[in-house]
Amino acid sequence: MVYNSCYLLPVRHAERPQAGLFFYWPMNGELPVKRAVVFVDGQNLFHAAREAFGYTYPNYDVSALAKQICV
């Protein structure tokens, strides 16, 4: 019978990789196009509108709300 001798490294805590990225480039003024992403929780928005205004049906425009917030 032939035995392979295989030695494993001792168990240690794995080193944590460096997290996050950072990109730097000099900017001259503002960007020509500004972008934003809006996430809306429709159910919470409906319940807040129902409580505030007494609506019984979803009566709101998410696109108009997002534009108004981003102005």
N, C-alpha and C. Protein backbone atom coordinates (compact mmCIF):
# COMPACT_ATOMS: atom_id res chain seq x y z
N MET A 1 0.83 -1.17 0.00
CA MET A 1 0.00 0.00 0.00
C MET A 1 0.88 1.24 0.00
N VAL A 2 0.52 2.21 -0.85
CA VAL A 2 1.29 3.45 -0.94
C VAL A 2 0.44 4.57 -0.37
N TYR A 3 1.02 5.31 0.53
CA TYR A 3 0.33 6.46 1.13
C TYR A 3 0.92 7.73 0.57
N ASN A 4 0.07 8.63 0.18
CA ASN A 4 0.51 9.96 -0.23
C ASN A 4 0.62 10.81 1.02
N SER A 5 1.71 11.45 1.18
CA SER A 5 1.82 12.35 2.31
C SER A 5 1.44 13.75 1.83
N CYS A 6 0.38 14.25 2.36
CA CYS A 6 -0.13 15.55 1.97
C CYS A 6 -0.27 16.39 3.24
N TYR A 7 0.42 17.47 3.29
CA TYR A 7 0.37 18.33 4.45
C TYR A 7 -0.48 19.54 4.14
N LEU A 8 -1.46 19.79 4.97
CA LEU A 8 -2.30 20.96 4.81
C LEU A 8 -1.74 22.10 5.64
N LEU A 9 -1.97 23.29 5.15
CA LEU A 9 -1.55 24.46 5.91
C LEU A 9 -2.36 24.56 7.19
N PRO A 10 -1.80 25.13 8.24
CA PRO A 10 -2.58 25.26 9.47
C PRO A 10 -3.79 26.17 9.25
N VAL A 11 -4.83 25.90 9.99
CA VAL A 11 -6.06 26.67 9.85
C VAL A 11 -5.87 28.03 10.51
N ARG A 12 -6.20 29.07 9.78
CA ARG A 12 -6.12 30.44 10.30
C ARG A 12 -7.37 31.20 9.85
N HIS A 13 -7.53 32.34 10.43
CA HIS A 13 -8.61 33.20 9.96
C HIS A 13 -8.22 33.75 8.61
N ALA A 14 -9.15 33.74 7.70
CA ALA A 14 -8.88 34.28 6.37
C ALA A 14 -8.73 35.79 6.47
N GLU A 15 -7.79 36.31 5.75
CA GLU A 15 -7.62 37.75 5.74
C GLU A 15 -8.77 38.36 4.96
N ARG A 16 -9.28 39.43 5.49
CA ARG A 16 -10.39 40.11 4.82
C ARG A 16 -9.85 40.90 3.65
N PRO A 17 -10.47 40.77 2.50
CA PRO A 17 -10.02 41.58 1.37
C PRO A 17 -10.38 43.04 1.60
N GLN A 18 -9.64 43.91 0.99
CA GLN A 18 -9.95 45.32 1.11
C GLN A 18 -11.26 45.58 0.38
N ALA A 19 -12.17 46.20 1.07
CA ALA A 19 -13.50 46.42 0.50
C ALA A 19 -13.62 47.84 -0.03
N GLY A 20 -14.42 47.98 -1.03
CA GLY A 20 -14.72 49.30 -1.59
C GLY A 20 -13.75 49.71 -2.66
N LEU A 21 -14.24 50.50 -3.54
CA LEU A 21 -13.42 51.04 -4.62
C LEU A 21 -13.47 52.55 -4.56
N PHE A 22 -12.42 53.15 -4.96
CA PHE A 22 -12.38 54.61 -4.98
C PHE A 22 -11.73 55.04 -6.28
N PHE A 23 -12.47 55.76 -7.07
CA PHE A 23 -11.94 56.28 -8.32
C PHE A 23 -11.83 57.80 -8.20
N TYR A 24 -10.75 58.32 -8.60
CA TYR A 24 -10.55 59.76 -8.52
C TYR A 24 -10.15 60.28 -9.88
N TRP A 25 -10.80 61.30 -10.30
CA TRP A 25 -10.37 62.02 -11.48
C TRP A 25 -10.75 63.48 -11.25
N PRO A 26 -9.89 64.37 -11.65
CA PRO A 26 -10.21 65.78 -11.42
C PRO A 26 -11.41 66.21 -12.26
N MET A 27 -12.30 66.95 -11.62
CA MET A 27 -13.49 67.41 -12.32
C MET A 27 -13.45 68.92 -12.42
N ASN A 28 -13.72 69.38 -13.59
CA ASN A 28 -13.78 70.82 -13.82
C ASN A 28 -15.25 71.22 -13.87
N GLY A 29 -15.77 71.69 -12.75
CA GLY A 29 -17.16 72.10 -12.71
C GLY A 29 -18.10 70.93 -12.53
N GLU A 30 -19.35 71.14 -12.90
CA GLU A 30 -20.37 70.10 -12.75
C GLU A 30 -20.45 69.23 -13.99
N LEU A 31 -20.98 68.06 -13.80
CA LEU A 31 -21.19 67.17 -14.92
C LEU A 31 -22.31 67.72 -15.81
N PRO A 32 -22.22 67.51 -17.12
CA PRO A 32 -23.26 68.06 -18.00
C PRO A 32 -24.61 67.37 -17.81
N VAL A 33 -24.62 66.09 -17.48
CA VAL A 33 -25.86 65.36 -17.28
C VAL A 33 -25.84 64.78 -15.88
N LYS A 34 -26.84 65.12 -15.10
CA LYS A 34 -26.96 64.58 -13.75
C LYS A 34 -28.02 63.50 -13.79
N ARG A 35 -27.75 62.40 -13.10
CA ARG A 35 -28.67 61.27 -13.11
C ARG A 35 -29.04 60.89 -11.69
N ALA A 36 -30.24 60.39 -11.55
CA ALA A 36 -30.71 59.93 -10.24
C ALA A 36 -31.61 58.72 -10.46
N VAL A 37 -31.66 57.87 -9.46
CA VAL A 37 -32.55 56.71 -9.48
C VAL A 37 -33.49 56.86 -8.29
N VAL A 38 -34.78 56.70 -8.52
CA VAL A 38 -35.77 56.85 -7.47
C VAL A 38 -36.47 55.50 -7.28
N PHE A 39 -36.47 55.02 -6.06
CA PHE A 39 -37.19 53.80 -5.72
C PHE A 39 -38.40 54.20 -4.90
N VAL A 40 -39.57 53.72 -5.29
CA VAL A 40 -40.81 54.08 -4.59
C VAL A 40 -41.47 52.80 -4.09
N ASP A 41 -41.80 52.80 -2.82
CA ASP A 41 -42.58 51.71 -2.24
C ASP A 41 -44.04 52.12 -2.36
N GLY A 42 -44.71 51.59 -3.37
CA GLY A 42 -46.07 52.01 -3.68
C GLY A 42 -47.06 51.77 -2.57
N GLN A 43 -46.91 50.66 -1.84
CA GLN A 43 -47.87 50.37 -0.78
C GLN A 43 -47.74 51.38 0.35
N ASN A 44 -46.52 51.69 0.76
CA ASN A 44 -46.35 52.69 1.82
C ASN A 44 -46.79 54.07 1.35
N LEU A 45 -46.51 54.40 0.07
CA LEU A 45 -46.95 55.69 -0.46
C LEU A 45 -48.47 55.78 -0.45
N PHE A 46 -49.14 54.71 -0.86
CA PHE A 46 -50.61 54.71 -0.87
C PHE A 46 -51.16 54.88 0.54
N HIS A 47 -50.60 54.13 1.51
CA HIS A 47 -51.12 54.23 2.87
C HIS A 47 -50.86 55.61 3.47
N ALA A 48 -49.73 56.23 3.13
CA ALA A 48 -49.46 57.59 3.62
C ALA A 48 -50.42 58.59 2.97
N ALA A 49 -50.69 58.42 1.67
CA ALA A 49 -51.63 59.33 0.99
C ALA A 49 -53.05 59.12 1.52
N ARG A 50 -53.40 57.88 1.82
CA ARG A 50 -54.73 57.60 2.37
C ARG A 50 -54.89 58.24 3.74
N GLU A 51 -53.83 58.14 4.56
CA GLU A 51 -53.90 58.74 5.90
C GLU A 51 -53.92 60.26 5.84
N ALA A 52 -53.13 60.84 4.92
CA ALA A 52 -53.02 62.29 4.87
C ALA A 52 -54.20 62.94 4.15
N PHE A 53 -54.67 62.31 3.06
CA PHE A 53 -55.68 62.96 2.23
C PHE A 53 -57.00 62.20 2.14
N GLY A 54 -57.07 61.02 2.73
CA GLY A 54 -58.31 60.26 2.72
C GLY A 54 -58.59 59.55 1.41
N TYR A 55 -57.59 59.33 0.58
CA TYR A 55 -57.80 58.62 -0.69
C TYR A 55 -58.16 57.16 -0.42
N THR A 56 -59.07 56.63 -1.22
CA THR A 56 -59.42 55.22 -1.13
C THR A 56 -58.91 54.44 -2.33
N TYR A 57 -58.31 55.14 -3.27
CA TYR A 57 -57.78 54.53 -4.48
C TYR A 57 -56.41 55.16 -4.74
N PRO A 58 -55.42 54.38 -5.21
CA PRO A 58 -54.10 54.99 -5.47
C PRO A 58 -54.22 56.14 -6.47
N ASN A 59 -53.99 57.34 -6.01
CA ASN A 59 -54.17 58.53 -6.82
C ASN A 59 -52.90 59.35 -6.77
N TYR A 60 -51.84 58.85 -7.39
CA TYR A 60 -50.57 59.57 -7.42
C TYR A 60 -49.82 59.19 -8.68
N ASP A 61 -48.94 60.08 -9.09
CA ASP A 61 -48.11 59.87 -10.28
C ASP A 61 -46.66 59.74 -9.82
N VAL A 62 -46.12 58.53 -9.89
CA VAL A 62 -44.78 58.26 -9.38
C VAL A 62 -43.73 59.03 -10.18
N SER A 63 -43.91 59.12 -11.49
CA SER A 63 -42.96 59.85 -12.33
C SER A 63 -42.91 61.33 -11.97
N ALA A 64 -44.08 61.94 -11.78
CA ALA A 64 -44.13 63.35 -11.40
C ALA A 64 -43.54 63.56 -10.01
N LEU A 65 -43.80 62.63 -9.10
CA LEU A 65 -43.22 62.72 -7.75
C LEU A 65 -41.70 62.64 -7.80
N ALA A 66 -41.16 61.72 -8.59
CA ALA A 66 -39.70 61.58 -8.72
C ALA A 66 -39.08 62.84 -9.33
N LYS A 67 -39.72 63.41 -10.34
CA LYS A 67 -39.19 64.64 -10.95
C LYS A 67 -39.20 65.79 -9.96
N GLN A 68 -40.26 65.87 -9.16
CA GLN A 68 -40.36 66.96 -8.18
C GLN A 68 -39.30 66.81 -7.08
N ILE A 69 -39.03 65.58 -6.67
CA ILE A 69 -38.00 65.35 -5.65
C ILE A 69 -36.61 65.69 -6.17
N CYS A 70 -36.35 65.40 -7.44
CA CYS A 70 -35.02 65.59 -8.00
C CYS A 70 -34.74 66.99 -8.48
N VAL A 71 -35.69 67.88 -8.40
CA VAL A 71 -35.46 69.27 -8.86
C VAL A 71 -34.59 70.00 -7.89
